[in-house]
Amino acid sequence: MKRRQKRRLNRRPKKRQKNRQKRRPNRTFVYSFEYEAREISKDLKIPLEKVEHIIKNELNL
């Protein structure tokens, strides 16, 4: 076995990055609310901004 190969085998494995979702909030959660807001605004014929505002107030975001 060559010296270089031995060295490669003895090296520690690279550390893998931790789950990215822990670092940033889950975007699918936000997208689902945007979709719901659009559906509600269509059904009630209210502008989308008002619906989003109401949802954000309810969630205290």
PDB file of N, CA and C in Angstrom:
ATOM      1  N   MET A   1       0.845  -1.201   0.000  1.00  0.00           N
ATOM      2  CA  MET A   1       0.000   0.000   0.000  1.00  0.00           C
ATOM      3  C   MET A   1       0.887   1.260   0.000  1.00  0.00           C
ATOM      4  N   LYS A   2       0.566   2.175  -0.836  1.00  0.00           N
ATOM      5  CA  LYS A   2       1.374   3.385  -0.934  1.00  0.00           C
ATOM      6  C   LYS A   2       1.156   4.276   0.283  1.00  0.00           C
ATOM      7  N   ARG A   3       2.175   5.082   0.560  1.00  0.00           N
ATOM      8  CA  ARG A   3       2.115   5.952   1.733  1.00  0.00           C
ATOM      9  C   ARG A   3       0.942   6.933   1.643  1.00  0.00           C
ATOM     10  N   ARG A   4       0.716   7.461   0.444  1.00  0.00           N
ATOM     11  CA  ARG A   4      -0.369   8.432   0.259  1.00  0.00           C
ATOM     12  C   ARG A   4      -1.736   7.808   0.551  1.00  0.00           C
ATOM     13  N   GLN A   5      -1.923   6.577   0.093  1.00  0.00           N
ATOM     14  CA  GLN A   5      -3.185   5.879   0.350  1.00  0.00           C
ATOM     15  C   GLN A   5      -3.395   5.663   1.844  1.00  0.00           C
ATOM     16  N   LYS A   6      -2.314   5.275   2.538  1.00  0.00           N
ATOM     17  CA  LYS A   6      -2.413   5.057   3.987  1.00  0.00           C
ATOM     18  C   LYS A   6      -2.846   6.337   4.683  1.00  0.00           C
ATOM     19  N   ARG A   7      -2.193   7.435   4.280  1.00  0.00           N
ATOM     20  CA  ARG A   7      -2.507   8.715   4.904  1.00  0.00           C
ATOM     21  C   ARG A   7      -3.980   9.067   4.695  1.00  0.00           C
ATOM     22  N   ARG A   8      -4.470   8.802   3.490  1.00  0.00           N
ATOM     23  CA  ARG A   8      -5.864   9.100   3.174  1.00  0.00           C
ATOM     24  C   ARG A   8      -6.819   8.267   4.027  1.00  0.00           C
ATOM     25  N   LEU A   9      -6.469   7.023   4.272  1.00  0.00           N
ATOM     26  CA  LEU A   9      -7.329   6.151   5.074  1.00  0.00           C
ATOM     27  C   LEU A   9      -7.360   6.564   6.539  1.00  0.00           C
ATOM     28  N   ASN A  10      -6.234   7.085   7.014  1.00  0.00           N
ATOM     29  CA  ASN A  10      -6.144   7.431   8.434  1.00  0.00           C
ATOM     30  C   ASN A  10      -6.769   8.782   8.770  1.00  0.00           C
ATOM     31  N   ARG A  11      -7.039   9.566   7.731  1.00  0.00           N
ATOM     32  CA  ARG A  11      -7.630  10.882   7.985  1.00  0.00           C
ATOM     33  C   ARG A  11      -9.009  10.775   8.611  1.00  0.00           C
ATOM     34  N   ARG A  12      -9.329  11.727   9.444  1.00  0.00           N
ATOM     35  CA  ARG A  12     -10.681  11.768  10.023  1.00  0.00           C
ATOM     36  C   ARG A  12     -11.694  12.091   8.927  1.00  0.00           C
ATOM     37  N   PRO A  13     -12.879  11.526   9.018  1.00  0.00           N
ATOM     38  CA  PRO A  13     -13.893  11.890   8.019  1.00  0.00           C
ATOM     39  C   PRO A  13     -14.290  13.358   8.187  1.00  0.00           C
ATOM     40  N   LYS A  14     -14.640  13.981   7.082  1.00  0.00           N
ATOM     41  CA  LYS A  14     -15.037  15.388   7.138  1.00  0.00           C
ATOM     42  C   LYS A  14     -16.338  15.522   7.912  1.00  0.00           C
ATOM     43  N   LYS A  15     -16.426  16.613   8.658  1.00  0.00           N
ATOM     44  CA  LYS A  15     -17.659  16.855   9.413  1.00  0.00           C
ATOM     45  C   LYS A  15     -18.756  17.268   8.445  1.00  0.00           C
ATOM     46  N   ARG A  16     -19.900  16.646   8.567  1.00  0.00           N
ATOM     47  CA  ARG A  16     -21.034  17.002   7.719  1.00  0.00           C
ATOM     48  C   ARG A  16     -21.750  18.202   8.326  1.00  0.00           C
ATOM     49  N   GLN A  17     -22.323  19.008   7.462  1.00  0.00           N
ATOM     50  CA  GLN A  17     -23.089  20.157   7.948  1.00  0.00           C
ATOM     51  C   GLN A  17     -24.351  19.673   8.646  1.00  0.00           C
ATOM     52  N   LYS A  18     -24.698  20.368   9.713  1.00  0.00           N
ATOM     53  CA  LYS A  18     -25.926  20.010  10.422  1.00  0.00           C
ATOM     54  C   LYS A  18     -27.132  20.363   9.557  1.00  0.00           C
ATOM     55  N   ASN A  19     -28.231  19.801   9.923  1.00  0.00           N
ATOM     56  CA  ASN A  19     -29.454  20.026   9.166  1.00  0.00           C
ATOM     57  C   ASN A  19     -29.703  21.528   8.986  1.00  0.00           C
ATOM     58  N   ARG A  20     -29.856  21.951   7.746  1.00  0.00           N
ATOM     59  CA  ARG A  20     -29.999  23.379   7.465  1.00  0.00           C
ATOM     60  C   ARG A  20     -31.269  23.973   8.051  1.00  0.00           C
ATOM     61  N   GLN A  21     -32.278  23.141   8.227  1.00  0.00           N
ATOM     62  CA  GLN A  21     -33.549  23.666   8.734  1.00  0.00           C
ATOM     63  C   GLN A  21     -33.402  24.221  10.141  1.00  0.00           C
ATOM     64  N   LYS A  22     -32.389  23.752  10.867  1.00  0.00           N
ATOM     65  CA  LYS A  22     -32.166  24.262  12.216  1.00  0.00           C
ATOM     66  C   LYS A  22     -31.640  25.691  12.166  1.00  0.00           C
ATOM     67  N   ARG A  23     -30.902  25.999  11.062  1.00  0.00           N
ATOM     68  CA  ARG A  23     -30.300  27.321  10.957  1.00  0.00           C
ATOM     69  C   ARG A  23     -31.261  28.380  10.448  1.00  0.00           C
ATOM     70  N   ARG A  24     -32.155  27.985   9.558  1.00  0.00           N
ATOM     71  CA  ARG A  24     -33.111  28.968   9.039  1.00  0.00           C
ATOM     72  C   ARG A  24     -34.526  28.413   9.151  1.00  0.00           C
ATOM     73  N   PRO A  25     -35.508  29.272   9.283  1.00  0.00           N
ATOM     74  CA  PRO A  25     -36.876  28.777   9.471  1.00  0.00           C
ATOM     75  C   PRO A  25     -37.359  28.007   8.249  1.00  0.00           C
ATOM     76  N   ASN A  26     -38.281  27.153   8.476  1.00  0.00           N
ATOM     77  CA  ASN A  26     -38.825  26.320   7.415  1.00  0.00           C
ATOM     78  C   ASN A  26     -39.673  27.179   6.475  1.00  0.00           C
ATOM     79  N   ARG A  27     -39.252  27.274   5.224  1.00  0.00           N
ATOM     80  CA  ARG A  27     -39.951  28.141   4.276  1.00  0.00           C
ATOM     81  C   ARG A  27     -41.314  27.583   3.858  1.00  0.00           C
ATOM     82  N   THR A  28     -41.477  26.268   3.861  1.00  0.00           N
ATOM     83  CA  THR A  28     -42.750  25.693   3.412  1.00  0.00           C
ATOM     84  C   THR A  28     -43.890  26.162   4.305  1.00  0.00           C
ATOM     85  N   PHE A  29     -43.582  26.409   5.574  1.00  0.00           N
ATOM     86  CA  PHE A  29     -44.569  26.921   6.520  1.00  0.00           C
ATOM     87  C   PHE A  29     -45.100  28.269   6.030  1.00  0.00           C
ATOM     88  N   VAL A  30     -44.195  29.151   5.626  1.00  0.00           N
ATOM     89  CA  VAL A  30     -44.571  30.484   5.151  1.00  0.00           C
ATOM     90  C   VAL A  30     -45.343  30.377   3.838  1.00  0.00           C
ATOM     91  N   TYR A  31     -44.866  29.534   2.924  1.00  0.00           N
ATOM     92  CA  TYR A  31     -45.540  29.387   1.638  1.00  0.00           C
ATOM     93  C   TYR A  31     -46.971  28.896   1.805  1.00  0.00           C
ATOM     94  N   SER A  32     -47.192  27.974   2.747  1.00  0.00           N
ATOM     95  CA  SER A  32     -48.537  27.450   2.945  1.00  0.00           C
ATOM     96  C   SER A  32     -49.481  28.569   3.388  1.00  0.00           C
ATOM     97  N   PHE A  33     -48.975  29.500   4.214  1.00  0.00           N
ATOM     98  CA  PHE A  33     -49.814  30.623   4.643  1.00  0.00           C
ATOM     99  C   PHE A  33     -50.102  31.569   3.491  1.00  0.00           C
ATOM    100  N   GLU A  34     -49.118  31.767   2.623  1.00  0.00           N
ATOM    101  CA  GLU A  34     -49.348  32.628   1.462  1.00  0.00           C
ATOM    102  C   GLU A  34     -50.443  32.031   0.571  1.00  0.00           C
ATOM    103  N   TYR A  35     -50.399  30.719   0.407  1.00  0.00           N
ATOM    104  CA  TYR A  35     -51.411  30.033  -0.405  1.00  0.00           C
ATOM    105  C   TYR A  35     -52.787  30.177   0.236  1.00  0.00           C
ATOM    106  N   GLU A  36     -52.858  29.920   1.552  1.00  0.00           N
ATOM    107  CA  GLU A  36     -54.131  30.039   2.277  1.00  0.00           C
ATOM    108  C   GLU A  36     -54.675  31.462   2.169  1.00  0.00           C
ATOM    109  N   ALA A  37     -53.792  32.446   2.311  1.00  0.00           N
ATOM    110  CA  ALA A  37     -54.215  33.845   2.243  1.00  0.00           C
ATOM    111  C   ALA A  37     -54.831  34.151   0.880  1.00  0.00           C
ATOM    112  N   ARG A  38     -54.205  33.640  -0.178  1.00  0.00           N
ATOM    113  CA  ARG A  38     -54.740  33.853  -1.526  1.00  0.00           C
ATOM    114  C   ARG A  38     -56.120  33.235  -1.682  1.00  0.00           C
ATOM    115  N   GLU A  39     -56.273  32.014  -1.164  1.00  0.00           N
ATOM    116  CA  GLU A  39     -57.567  31.326  -1.257  1.00  0.00           C
ATOM    117  C   GLU A  39     -58.650  32.094  -0.498  1.00  0.00           C
ATOM    118  N   ILE A  40     -58.323  32.551   0.709  1.00  0.00           N
ATOM    119  CA  ILE A  40     -59.296  33.284   1.536  1.00  0.00           C
ATOM    120  C   ILE A  40     -59.697  34.582   0.837  1.00  0.00           C
ATOM    121  N   SER A  41     -58.700  35.302   0.290  1.00  0.00           N
ATOM    122  CA  SER A  41     -59.011  36.580  -0.359  1.00  0.00           C
ATOM    123  C   SER A  41     -59.914  36.372  -1.578  1.00  0.00           C
ATOM    124  N   LYS A  42     -59.732  35.250  -2.287  1.00  0.00           N
ATOM    125  CA  LYS A  42     -60.616  34.947  -3.428  1.00  0.00           C
ATOM    126  C   LYS A  42     -62.034  34.671  -2.944  1.00  0.00           C
ATOM    127  N   ASP A  43     -62.145  33.831  -1.905  1.00  0.00           N
ATOM    128  CA  ASP A  43     -63.465  33.431  -1.412  1.00  0.00           C
ATOM    129  C   ASP A  43     -64.249  34.615  -0.857  1.00  0.00           C
ATOM    130  N   LEU A  44     -63.585  35.448  -0.060  1.00  0.00           N
ATOM    131  CA  LEU A  44     -64.281  36.550   0.611  1.00  0.00           C
ATOM    132  C   LEU A  44     -64.230  37.854  -0.178  1.00  0.00           C
ATOM    133  N   LYS A  45     -63.500  37.840  -1.308  1.00  0.00           N
ATOM    134  CA  LYS A  45     -63.340  39.043  -2.141  1.00  0.00           C
ATOM    135  C   LYS A  45     -62.788  40.215  -1.328  1.00  0.00           C
ATOM    136  N   ILE A  46     -61.739  39.921  -0.555  1.00  0.00           N
ATOM    137  CA  ILE A  46     -61.025  40.940   0.231  1.00  0.00           C
ATOM    138  C   ILE A  46     -59.627  41.047  -0.378  1.00  0.00           C
ATOM    139  N   PRO A  47     -59.037  42.245  -0.420  1.00  0.00           N
ATOM    140  CA  PRO A  47     -57.671  42.354  -0.952  1.00  0.00           C
ATOM    141  C   PRO A  47     -56.690  41.459  -0.178  1.00  0.00           C
ATOM    142  N   LEU A  48     -55.726  40.924  -0.894  1.00  0.00           N
ATOM    143  CA  LEU A  48     -54.767  39.974  -0.323  1.00  0.00           C
ATOM    144  C   LEU A  48     -53.976  40.587   0.836  1.00  0.00           C
ATOM    145  N   GLU A  49     -53.620  41.869   0.710  1.00  0.00           N
ATOM    146  CA  GLU A  49     -52.828  42.522   1.768  1.00  0.00           C
ATOM    147  C   GLU A  49     -53.580  42.518   3.097  1.00  0.00           C
ATOM    148  N   LYS A  50     -54.891  42.775   3.032  1.00  0.00           N
ATOM    149  CA  LYS A  50     -55.691  42.791   4.264  1.00  0.00           C
ATOM    150  C   LYS A  50     -55.724  41.416   4.914  1.00  0.00           C
ATOM    151  N   VAL A  51     -55.891  40.381   4.091  1.00  0.00           N
ATOM    152  CA  VAL A  51     -55.945  39.010   4.611  1.00  0.00           C
ATOM    153  C   VAL A  51     -54.615  38.654   5.271  1.00  0.00           C
ATOM    154  N   GLU A  52     -53.495  38.972   4.589  1.00  0.00           N
ATOM    155  CA  GLU A  52     -52.169  38.691   5.153  1.00  0.00           C
ATOM    156  C   GLU A  52     -51.984  39.435   6.469  1.00  0.00           C
ATOM    157  N   HIS A  53     -52.455  40.680   6.496  1.00  0.00           N
ATOM    158  CA  HIS A  53     -52.335  41.494   7.707  1.00  0.00           C
ATOM    159  C   HIS A  53     -53.103  40.848   8.866  1.00  0.00           C
ATOM    160  N   ILE A  54     -54.307  40.382   8.587  1.00  0.00           N
ATOM    161  CA  ILE A  54     -55.141  39.737   9.614  1.00  0.00           C
ATOM    162  C   ILE A  54     -54.458  38.467  10.130  1.00  0.00           C
ATOM    163  N   ILE A  55     -53.943  37.653   9.206  1.00  0.00           N
ATOM    164  CA  ILE A  55     -53.271  36.401   9.606  1.00  0.00           C
ATOM    165  C   ILE A  55     -52.049  36.710  10.469  1.00  0.00           C
ATOM    166  N   LYS A  56     -51.253  37.704  10.050  1.00  0.00           N
ATOM    167  CA  LYS A  56     -50.046  38.050  10.813  1.00  0.00           C
ATOM    168  C   LYS A  56     -50.407  38.554  12.204  1.00  0.00           C
ATOM    169  N   ASN A  57     -51.489  39.324  12.300  1.00  0.00           N
ATOM    170  CA  ASN A  57     -51.928  39.800  13.618  1.00  0.00           C
ATOM    171  C   ASN A  57     -52.363  38.645  14.503  1.00  0.00           C
ATOM    172  N   GLU A  58     -53.050  37.679  13.905  1.00  0.00           N
ATOM    173  CA  GLU A  58     -53.510  36.514  14.673  1.00  0.00           C
ATOM    174  C   GLU A  58     -52.337  35.682  15.178  1.00  0.00           C
ATOM    175  N   LEU A  59     -51.303  35.588  14.365  1.00  0.00           N
ATOM    176  CA  LEU A  59     -50.129  34.784  14.747  1.00  0.00           C
ATOM    177  C   LEU A  59     -49.115  35.585  15.560  1.00  0.00           C
ATOM    178  N   ASN A  60     -49.343  36.886  15.672  1.00  0.00           N
ATOM    179  CA  ASN A  60     -48.413  37.798  16.354  1.00  0.00           C
ATOM    180  C   ASN A  60     -47.013  37.712  15.759  1.00  0.00           C
ATOM    181  N   LEU A  61     -46.961  37.797  14.437  1.00  0.00           N
ATOM    182  CA  LEU A  61     -45.650  37.751  13.771  1.00  0.00           C
ATOM    183  C   LEU A  61     -45.077  39.150  13.629  1.00  0.00           C
TER     184      LEU A  61
END
